[in-house]
């Protein structure tokens, strides 16, 4: 049956610095205002699957309580390296969980430490189909870093290899999350060459965040060719849109698509 999947980096409170959000009213940087608004926005989204990044333990507990009333069940996978956040996936309806995997990336190198970043890999049964979902928050790389020195590229290679070796195999895979790169980056080229389709490829101005007041695409939904996708476009933002703010309780927008089995 058709289903809708949504991804969003919900902004960990531990990473908020007031100077980074000059257009945001003070109250929208407080947990008391932001967290209930996040829960309400996600519950109202109508998505069957929610893939969230930068989820802290207390926020996950709140979302579990609030989203349960809308029929969602969820799981949390925390990052390594004593980081305070991780990825959470929620599902509802006729989707039945089969397995959960926390993949901590092996991205250390002689000249750098491991990042602690992860992928949360969830397998759901959708009728006769087994659906694999890989939700991740790739580490940001310094602009101009050589491709083979980029954390993000090392991480996405490991994730694609993990998915390819997954047993039992899934009938389709969706890769989603905050990839911390723009569409011309090697990370995106790698996923495309691996045969995955970018759900929002026809909409290059479907901006998902505005770091340094510059709207850009850094969140993605990629999927196997065994799924057909209909992208749902995020709201239009500019460099002065309050993120977070009354309309968007995170500094990333919700990104969603409708999927159906071919």
C-alpha atoms as a PDB file:
ATOM      1  CA  UNK A   1       0.000   0.000   0.000  1.00  0.00           C
ATOM      2  CA  UNK A   2       1.148   3.611  -0.479  1.00  0.00           C
ATOM      3  CA  UNK A   3       2.836   5.297   2.467  1.00  0.00           C
ATOM      4  CA  UNK A   4       4.348   8.682   3.311  1.00  0.00           C
ATOM      5  CA  UNK A   5       7.770   9.057   4.874  1.00  0.00           C
ATOM      6  CA  UNK A   6       9.033  12.255   6.477  1.00  0.00           C
ATOM      7  CA  UNK A   7      12.553  13.178   7.549  1.00  0.00           C
ATOM      8  CA  UNK A   8      13.663  16.087   9.720  1.00  0.00           C
ATOM      9  CA  UNK A   9      16.637  17.185  11.788  1.00  0.00           C
ATOM     10  CA  UNK A  10      14.733  18.483  14.822  1.00  0.00           C
ATOM     11  CA  UNK A  11      17.683  20.444  16.343  1.00  0.00           C
ATOM     12  CA  UNK A  12      19.217  19.153  19.547  1.00  0.00           C
ATOM     13  CA  UNK A  13      19.024  21.676  22.368  1.00  0.00           C
ATOM     14  CA  UNK A  14      22.658  20.956  23.217  1.00  0.00           C
ATOM     15  CA  UNK A  15      23.724  22.408  19.867  1.00  0.00           C
ATOM     16  CA  UNK A  16      21.814  25.698  20.093  1.00  0.00           C
ATOM     17  CA  UNK A  17      23.902  28.852  20.251  1.00  0.00           C
ATOM     18  CA  UNK A  18      21.955  32.105  20.424  1.00  0.00           C
ATOM     19  CA  UNK A  19      24.220  33.930  17.955  1.00  0.00           C
ATOM     20  CA  UNK A  20      23.485  31.375  15.244  1.00  0.00           C
ATOM     21  CA  UNK A  21      19.776  32.290  15.141  1.00  0.00           C
ATOM     22  CA  UNK A  22      19.523  36.077  14.749  1.00  0.00           C
ATOM     23  CA  UNK A  23      15.981  35.979  13.336  1.00  0.00           C
ATOM     24  CA  UNK A  24      14.557  33.643  15.980  1.00  0.00           C
ATOM     25  CA  UNK A  25      12.490  35.018  18.891  1.00  0.00           C
ATOM     26  CA  UNK A  26      14.048  34.026  22.208  1.00  0.00           C
ATOM     27  CA  UNK A  27      11.160  31.815  23.292  1.00  0.00           C
ATOM     28  CA  UNK A  28      11.603  29.591  20.220  1.00  0.00           C
ATOM     29  CA  UNK A  29      15.025  28.568  21.471  1.00  0.00           C
ATOM     30  CA  UNK A  30      13.580  27.218  24.746  1.00  0.00           C
ATOM     31  CA  UNK A  31      12.542  23.577  25.202  1.00  0.00           C
ATOM     32  CA  UNK A  32       9.258  24.647  26.830  1.00  0.00           C
ATOM     33  CA  UNK A  33       8.087  26.251  23.586  1.00  0.00           C
ATOM     34  CA  UNK A  34       9.932  24.268  20.928  1.00  0.00           C
ATOM     35  CA  UNK A  35       9.353  20.695  22.049  1.00  0.00           C
ATOM     36  CA  UNK A  36       5.527  20.729  22.222  1.00  0.00           C
ATOM     37  CA  UNK A  37       5.449  22.538  18.869  1.00  0.00           C
ATOM     38  CA  UNK A  38       7.668  19.850  17.344  1.00  0.00           C
ATOM     39  CA  UNK A  39       5.432  17.079  18.649  1.00  0.00           C
ATOM     40  CA  UNK A  40       2.302  18.824  17.352  1.00  0.00           C
ATOM     41  CA  UNK A  41       3.838  19.439  13.925  1.00  0.00           C
ATOM     42  CA  UNK A  42       4.945  15.827  13.554  1.00  0.00           C
ATOM     43  CA  UNK A  43       1.596  14.430  14.714  1.00  0.00           C
ATOM     44  CA  UNK A  44      -0.219  16.700  12.241  1.00  0.00           C
ATOM     45  CA  UNK A  45       2.045  15.746   9.331  1.00  0.00           C
ATOM     46  CA  UNK A  46       0.008  12.680   8.399  1.00  0.00           C
ATOM     47  CA  UNK A  47       3.186  10.738   7.588  1.00  0.00           C
ATOM     48  CA  UNK A  48       3.227   6.993   8.170  1.00  0.00           C
ATOM     49  CA  UNK A  49       6.954   6.968   8.973  1.00  0.00           C
ATOM     50  CA  UNK A  50       8.923   9.688  10.754  1.00  0.00           C
ATOM     51  CA  UNK A  51      12.732   9.677  10.536  1.00  0.00           C
ATOM     52  CA  UNK A  52      14.257  12.221  12.893  1.00  0.00           C
ATOM     53  CA  UNK A  53      17.818  13.324  13.590  1.00  0.00           C
ATOM     54  CA  UNK A  54      19.425  15.228  16.509  1.00  0.00           C
ATOM     55  CA  UNK A  55      16.975  13.587  18.910  1.00  0.00           C
ATOM     56  CA  UNK A  56      17.979  13.788  22.579  1.00  0.00           C
ATOM     57  CA  UNK A  57      16.736  11.279  25.133  1.00  0.00           C
ATOM     58  CA  UNK A  58      14.299  13.603  26.899  1.00  0.00           C
ATOM     59  CA  UNK A  59      12.855  14.786  23.594  1.00  0.00           C
ATOM     60  CA  UNK A  60      12.399  11.193  22.451  1.00  0.00           C
ATOM     61  CA  UNK A  61      10.482  10.438  25.654  1.00  0.00           C
ATOM     62  CA  UNK A  62       8.216  13.430  25.026  1.00  0.00           C
ATOM     63  CA  UNK A  63       7.646  12.436  21.388  1.00  0.00           C
ATOM     64  CA  UNK A  64       6.869   8.862  22.423  1.00  0.00           C
ATOM     65  CA  UNK A  65       4.143  10.105  24.747  1.00  0.00           C
ATOM     66  CA  UNK A  66       2.669  12.684  22.375  1.00  0.00           C
ATOM     67  CA  UNK A  67       2.869  10.643  19.170  1.00  0.00           C
ATOM     68  CA  UNK A  68       1.386   7.543  20.798  1.00  0.00           C
ATOM     69  CA  UNK A  69      -1.980   9.275  20.746  1.00  0.00           C
ATOM     70  CA  UNK A  70      -1.647   9.481  16.941  1.00  0.00           C
ATOM     71  CA  UNK A  71      -0.819   5.771  16.712  1.00  0.00           C
ATOM     72  CA  UNK A  72       2.974   5.943  16.420  1.00  0.00           C
ATOM     73  CA  UNK A  73       5.547   3.566  17.875  1.00  0.00           C
ATOM     74  CA  UNK A  74       9.210   4.555  17.881  1.00  0.00           C
ATOM     75  CA  UNK A  75      12.800   3.623  18.589  1.00  0.00           C
ATOM     76  CA  UNK A  76      15.871   5.714  19.398  1.00  0.00           C
ATOM     77  CA  UNK A  77      19.515   5.077  18.483  1.00  0.00           C
ATOM     78  CA  UNK A  78      22.048   7.405  20.122  1.00  0.00           C
ATOM     79  CA  UNK A  79      25.364   8.531  18.653  1.00  0.00           C
ATOM     80  CA  UNK A  80      28.660   7.392  20.106  1.00  0.00           C
ATOM     81  CA  UNK A  81      31.440   9.467  21.597  1.00  0.00           C
ATOM     82  CA  UNK A  82      29.252  10.727  24.479  1.00  0.00           C
ATOM     83  CA  UNK A  83      27.220  12.851  22.093  1.00  0.00           C
ATOM     84  CA  UNK A  84      23.781  13.786  23.472  1.00  0.00           C
ATOM     85  CA  UNK A  85      21.632  12.957  20.457  1.00  0.00           C
ATOM     86  CA  UNK A  86      20.863  10.395  17.808  1.00  0.00           C
ATOM     87  CA  UNK A  87      18.288   9.201  15.297  1.00  0.00           C
ATOM     88  CA  UNK A  88      14.701   8.187  16.053  1.00  0.00           C
ATOM     89  CA  UNK A  89      12.239   6.428  13.769  1.00  0.00           C
ATOM     90  CA  UNK A  90       8.479   6.264  14.342  1.00  0.00           C
ATOM     91  CA  UNK A  91       5.908   4.273  12.377  1.00  0.00           C
ATOM     92  CA  UNK A  92       2.183   3.611  12.483  1.00  0.00           C
ATOM     93  CA  UNK A  93      -0.692   2.006  10.601  1.00  0.00           C
ATOM     94  CA  UNK A  94      -0.229  -1.449   9.147  1.00  0.00           C
ATOM     95  CA  UNK A  95       3.563  -1.231   9.229  1.00  0.00           C
ATOM     96  CA  UNK A  96       5.054  -3.961  11.419  1.00  0.00           C
ATOM     97  CA  UNK A  97       8.627  -3.726  12.761  1.00  0.00           C
ATOM     98  CA  UNK A  98      10.963  -6.607  11.910  1.00  0.00           C
ATOM     99  CA  UNK A  99      14.361  -5.374  13.072  1.00  0.00           C
ATOM    100  CA  UNK A 100      16.386  -2.403  14.295  1.00  0.00           C
ATOM    101  CA  UNK A 101      20.121  -1.839  13.835  1.00  0.00           C
ATOM    102  CA  UNK A 102      22.385   0.906  15.137  1.00  0.00           C
ATOM    103  CA  UNK A 103      25.356   1.371  12.806  1.00  0.00           C
ATOM    104  CA  UNK A 104      28.147   3.467  14.304  1.00  0.00           C
ATOM    105  CA  UNK A 105      30.403   4.541  11.465  1.00  0.00           C
ATOM    106  CA  UNK A 106      33.979   3.275  11.321  1.00  0.00           C
ATOM    107  CA  UNK A 107      35.271   6.633  10.094  1.00  0.00           C
ATOM    108  CA  UNK A 108      38.424   7.060  12.145  1.00  0.00           C
ATOM    109  CA  UNK A 109      41.671   7.583  10.245  1.00  0.00           C
ATOM    110  CA  UNK A 110      45.325   8.060  11.240  1.00  0.00           C
ATOM    111  CA  UNK A 111      44.843  11.824  11.315  1.00  0.00           C
ATOM    112  CA  UNK A 112      41.354  12.014  12.820  1.00  0.00           C
ATOM    113  CA  UNK A 113      39.152  10.556  15.548  1.00  0.00           C
ATOM    114  CA  UNK A 114      35.941   8.627  15.011  1.00  0.00           C
ATOM    115  CA  UNK A 115      32.960  10.976  14.737  1.00  0.00           C
ATOM    116  CA  UNK A 116      30.450   8.936  16.744  1.00  0.00           C
ATOM    117  CA  UNK A 117      27.863   9.514  14.016  1.00  0.00           C
ATOM    118  CA  UNK A 118      25.445   6.715  13.261  1.00  0.00           C
ATOM    119  CA  UNK A 119      22.764   5.375  10.984  1.00  0.00           C
ATOM    120  CA  UNK A 120      19.551   3.908  12.371  1.00  0.00           C
ATOM    121  CA  UNK A 121      18.451   1.026  10.162  1.00  0.00           C
ATOM    122  CA  UNK A 122      14.824  -0.049  10.532  1.00  0.00           C
ATOM    123  CA  UNK A 123      13.120  -2.874   8.667  1.00  0.00           C
ATOM    124  CA  UNK A 124       9.330  -2.716   8.465  1.00  0.00           C
ATOM    125  CA  UNK A 125       6.888  -5.208   6.991  1.00  0.00           C
ATOM    126  CA  UNK A 126       4.408  -3.522   4.632  1.00  0.00           C
ATOM    127  CA  UNK A 127       2.024  -6.272   3.631  1.00  0.00           C
ATOM    128  CA  UNK A 128       3.972  -8.660   1.404  1.00  0.00           C
ATOM    129  CA  UNK A 129       6.961  -6.296   1.221  1.00  0.00           C
ATOM    130  CA  UNK A 130       9.967  -5.825   3.445  1.00  0.00           C
ATOM    131  CA  UNK A 131      10.935  -2.133   3.583  1.00  0.00           C
ATOM    132  CA  UNK A 132      14.367  -1.040   4.783  1.00  0.00           C
ATOM    133  CA  UNK A 133      14.901   2.514   6.059  1.00  0.00           C
ATOM    134  CA  UNK A 134      18.341   3.986   6.706  1.00  0.00           C
ATOM    135  CA  UNK A 135      18.080   7.268   8.598  1.00  0.00           C
ATOM    136  CA  UNK A 136      21.309   9.128   9.243  1.00  0.00           C
ATOM    137  CA  UNK A 137      22.949  12.424  10.134  1.00  0.00           C
ATOM    138  CA  UNK A 138      26.232  12.586   8.250  1.00  0.00           C
ATOM    139  CA  UNK A 139      29.048  14.587   9.790  1.00  0.00           C
ATOM    140  CA  UNK A 140      29.661  18.034   8.340  1.00  0.00           C
ATOM    141  CA  UNK A 141      32.966  18.460   6.507  1.00  0.00           C
ATOM    142  CA  UNK A 142      35.087  21.573   6.139  1.00  0.00           C
ATOM    143  CA  UNK A 143      34.468  23.098   2.682  1.00  0.00           C
ATOM    144  CA  UNK A 144      37.173  22.173   0.206  1.00  0.00           C
ATOM    145  CA  UNK A 145      38.154  18.919   1.906  1.00  0.00           C
ATOM    146  CA  UNK A 146      39.401  16.299  -0.541  1.00  0.00           C
ATOM    147  CA  UNK A 147      36.666  13.727  -1.276  1.00  0.00           C
ATOM    148  CA  UNK A 148      38.501  10.786   0.294  1.00  0.00           C
ATOM    149  CA  UNK A 149      39.106  12.867   3.434  1.00  0.00           C
ATOM    150  CA  UNK A 150      35.439  13.694   3.894  1.00  0.00           C
ATOM    151  CA  UNK A 151      33.693  12.061   6.831  1.00  0.00           C
ATOM    152  CA  UNK A 152      30.368  12.176   5.000  1.00  0.00           C
ATOM    153  CA  UNK A 153      31.625  10.260   1.973  1.00  0.00           C
ATOM    154  CA  UNK A 154      33.295   7.608   4.146  1.00  0.00           C
ATOM    155  CA  UNK A 155      30.056   7.256   6.119  1.00  0.00           C
ATOM    156  CA  UNK A 156      27.697   6.964   3.151  1.00  0.00           C
ATOM    157  CA  UNK A 157      29.974   4.351   1.549  1.00  0.00           C
ATOM    158  CA  UNK A 158      29.792   2.259   4.710  1.00  0.00           C
ATOM    159  CA  UNK A 159      26.028   2.677   4.914  1.00  0.00           C
ATOM    160  CA  UNK A 160      25.465   1.632   1.291  1.00  0.00           C
ATOM    161  CA  UNK A 161      27.717  -1.404   1.787  1.00  0.00           C
ATOM    162  CA  UNK A 162      25.871  -2.363   4.979  1.00  0.00           C
ATOM    163  CA  UNK A 163      22.509  -2.153   3.228  1.00  0.00           C
ATOM    164  CA  UNK A 164      23.746  -4.196   0.258  1.00  0.00           C
ATOM    165  CA  UNK A 165      24.802  -6.987   2.616  1.00  0.00           C
ATOM    166  CA  UNK A 166      21.662  -6.862   4.758  1.00  0.00           C
ATOM    167  CA  UNK A 167      20.100 -10.255   5.447  1.00  0.00           C
ATOM    168  CA  UNK A 168      17.379 -11.089   4.867  1.00  0.00           C
ATOM    169  CA  UNK A 169      17.239  -8.733   1.875  1.00  0.00           C
ATOM    170  CA  UNK A 170      14.637  -5.992   1.657  1.00  0.00           C
ATOM    171  CA  UNK A 171      12.371  -5.381  -1.321  1.00  0.00           C
ATOM    172  CA  UNK A 172      13.248  -1.673  -1.219  1.00  0.00           C
ATOM    173  CA  UNK A 173      15.421   0.763   0.696  1.00  0.00           C
ATOM    174  CA  UNK A 174      15.007   4.412   1.617  1.00  0.00           C
ATOM    175  CA  UNK A 175      18.014   6.514   2.646  1.00  0.00           C
ATOM    176  CA  UNK A 176      17.069   9.714   4.409  1.00  0.00           C
ATOM    177  CA  UNK A 177      18.256  12.374   6.787  1.00  0.00           C
ATOM    178  CA  UNK A 178      20.521  15.353   7.186  1.00  0.00           C
ATOM    179  CA  UNK A 179      23.424  14.650   4.823  1.00  0.00           C
ATOM    180  CA  UNK A 180      25.096  18.037   5.492  1.00  0.00           C
ATOM    181  CA  UNK A 181      25.961  18.462   1.796  1.00  0.00           C
ATOM    182  CA  UNK A 182      24.461  20.209  -1.221  1.00  0.00           C
ATOM    183  CA  UNK A 183      23.321  18.264  -4.315  1.00  0.00           C
ATOM    184  CA  UNK A 184      26.612  18.536  -6.233  1.00  0.00           C
ATOM    185  CA  UNK A 185      28.594  16.826  -3.457  1.00  0.00           C
ATOM    186  CA  UNK A 186      30.315  13.418  -3.830  1.00  0.00           C
ATOM    187  CA  UNK A 187      27.911  11.952  -1.240  1.00  0.00           C
ATOM    188  CA  UNK A 188      24.969  12.550  -3.568  1.00  0.00           C
ATOM    189  CA  UNK A 189      26.892  11.320  -6.611  1.00  0.00           C
ATOM    190  CA  UNK A 190      27.764   8.135  -4.740  1.00  0.00           C
ATOM    191  CA  UNK A 191      24.123   7.355  -3.901  1.00  0.00           C
ATOM    192  CA  UNK A 192      23.052   8.057  -7.468  1.00  0.00           C
ATOM    193  CA  UNK A 193      25.739   5.793  -8.915  1.00  0.00           C
ATOM    194  CA  UNK A 194      24.661   3.078  -6.475  1.00  0.00           C
ATOM    195  CA  UNK A 195      21.262   3.121  -8.203  1.00  0.00           C
ATOM    196  CA  UNK A 196      19.186   5.084  -5.710  1.00  0.00           C
ATOM    197  CA  UNK A 197      16.733   7.749  -6.844  1.00  0.00           C
ATOM    198  CA  UNK A 198      16.502  11.244  -5.357  1.00  0.00           C
ATOM    199  CA  UNK A 199      12.826  11.848  -4.592  1.00  0.00           C
ATOM    200  CA  UNK A 200      13.130  15.652  -4.888  1.00  0.00           C
ATOM    201  CA  UNK A 201      15.596  15.773  -7.795  1.00  0.00           C
ATOM    202  CA  UNK A 202      13.149  17.709  -9.982  1.00  0.00           C
ATOM    203  CA  UNK A 203      12.857  20.449  -7.344  1.00  0.00           C
ATOM    204  CA  UNK A 204      16.327  21.963  -6.793  1.00  0.00           C
ATOM    205  CA  UNK A 205      14.847  24.928  -4.916  1.00  0.00           C
ATOM    206  CA  UNK A 206      13.145  22.721  -2.308  1.00  0.00           C
ATOM    207  CA  UNK A 207      15.375  24.186   0.380  1.00  0.00           C
ATOM    208  CA  UNK A 208      15.447  22.428   3.744  1.00  0.00           C
ATOM    209  CA  UNK A 209      17.626  24.748   5.857  1.00  0.00           C
ATOM    210  CA  UNK A 210      19.313  28.158   5.768  1.00  0.00           C
ATOM    211  CA  UNK A 211      22.710  27.892   7.481  1.00  0.00           C
ATOM    212  CA  UNK A 212      24.504  31.242   7.570  1.00  0.00           C
ATOM    213  CA  UNK A 213      21.292  32.794   6.177  1.00  0.00           C
ATOM    214  CA  UNK A 214      21.774  30.937   2.875  1.00  0.00           C
ATOM    215  CA  UNK A 215      18.833  28.673   1.903  1.00  0.00           C
ATOM    216  CA  UNK A 216      20.008  25.356   0.545  1.00  0.00           C
ATOM    217  CA  UNK A 217      19.197  21.664   0.228  1.00  0.00           C
ATOM    218  CA  UNK A 218      21.020  19.528   2.803  1.00  0.00           C
ATOM    219  CA  UNK A 219      18.304  16.985   3.744  1.00  0.00           C
ATOM    220  CA  UNK A 220      17.365  14.153   1.392  1.00  0.00           C
ATOM    221  CA  UNK A 221      15.143  11.202   0.566  1.00  0.00           C
ATOM    222  CA  UNK A 222      16.701   8.581  -1.741  1.00  0.00           C
ATOM    223  CA  UNK A 223      15.005   5.292  -2.611  1.00  0.00           C
ATOM    224  CA  UNK A 224      15.259   2.065  -4.577  1.00  0.00           C
ATOM    225  CA  UNK A 225      13.800   1.874  -8.065  1.00  0.00           C
ATOM    226  CA  UNK A 226      11.285  -0.674  -6.753  1.00  0.00           C
ATOM    227  CA  UNK A 227       9.467   2.268  -5.194  1.00  0.00           C
ATOM    228  CA  UNK A 228       7.765   5.123  -7.023  1.00  0.00           C
ATOM    229  CA  UNK A 229       7.909   8.476  -5.230  1.00  0.00           C
ATOM    230  CA  UNK A 230       5.818  11.634  -5.317  1.00  0.00           C
ATOM    231  CA  UNK A 231       7.694  14.437  -3.548  1.00  0.00           C
ATOM    232  CA  UNK A 232       5.906  16.712  -1.115  1.00  0.00           C
ATOM    233  CA  UNK A 233       7.533  20.131  -1.234  1.00  0.00           C
ATOM    234  CA  UNK A 234       8.683  21.923   1.906  1.00  0.00           C
ATOM    235  CA  UNK A 235       7.647  25.480   2.685  1.00  0.00           C
ATOM    236  CA  UNK A 236       9.440  28.314   0.902  1.00  0.00           C
ATOM    237  CA  UNK A 237      12.143  29.915   3.047  1.00  0.00           C
ATOM    238  CA  UNK A 238      14.570  32.810   2.690  1.00  0.00           C
ATOM    239  CA  UNK A 239      17.704  33.854   4.533  1.00  0.00           C
ATOM    240  CA  UNK A 240      15.588  35.779   7.042  1.00  0.00           C
ATOM    241  CA  UNK A 241      12.955  33.115   7.765  1.00  0.00           C
ATOM    242  CA  UNK A 242      12.940  32.464  11.537  1.00  0.00           C
ATOM    243  CA  UNK A 243      14.409  28.982  11.909  1.00  0.00           C
ATOM    244  CA  UNK A 244      13.428  27.858  14.439  1.00  0.00           C
ATOM    245  CA  UNK A 245      10.306  29.952  14.771  1.00  0.00           C
ATOM    246  CA  UNK A 246       6.505  29.856  15.007  1.00  0.00           C
ATOM    247  CA  UNK A 247       6.090  28.133  11.624  1.00  0.00           C
ATOM    248  CA  UNK A 248       9.112  25.828  11.851  1.00  0.00           C
ATOM    249  CA  UNK A 249      10.158  24.649  15.348  1.00  0.00           C
ATOM    250  CA  UNK A 250      13.519  23.392  14.058  1.00  0.00           C
ATOM    251  CA  UNK A 251      16.250  24.969  11.957  1.00  0.00           C
ATOM    252  CA  UNK A 252      15.463  22.323   9.318  1.00  0.00           C
ATOM    253  CA  UNK A 253      12.171  21.912   7.477  1.00  0.00           C
ATOM    254  CA  UNK A 254      10.130  18.742   7.250  1.00  0.00           C
ATOM    255  CA  UNK A 255      10.920  16.882   4.007  1.00  0.00           C
ATOM    256  CA  UNK A 256       8.475  14.223   2.858  1.00  0.00           C
ATOM    257  CA  UNK A 257       7.417  12.088  -0.073  1.00  0.00           C
ATOM    258  CA  UNK A 258       4.646   9.673  -0.904  1.00  0.00           C
ATOM    259  CA  UNK A 259       5.814   6.193  -1.901  1.00  0.00           C
ATOM    260  CA  UNK A 260       4.159   3.268  -3.619  1.00  0.00           C
ATOM    261  CA  UNK A 261       5.402  -0.159  -4.646  1.00  0.00           C
ATOM    262  CA  UNK A 262       5.997  -0.592  -8.356  1.00  0.00           C
END
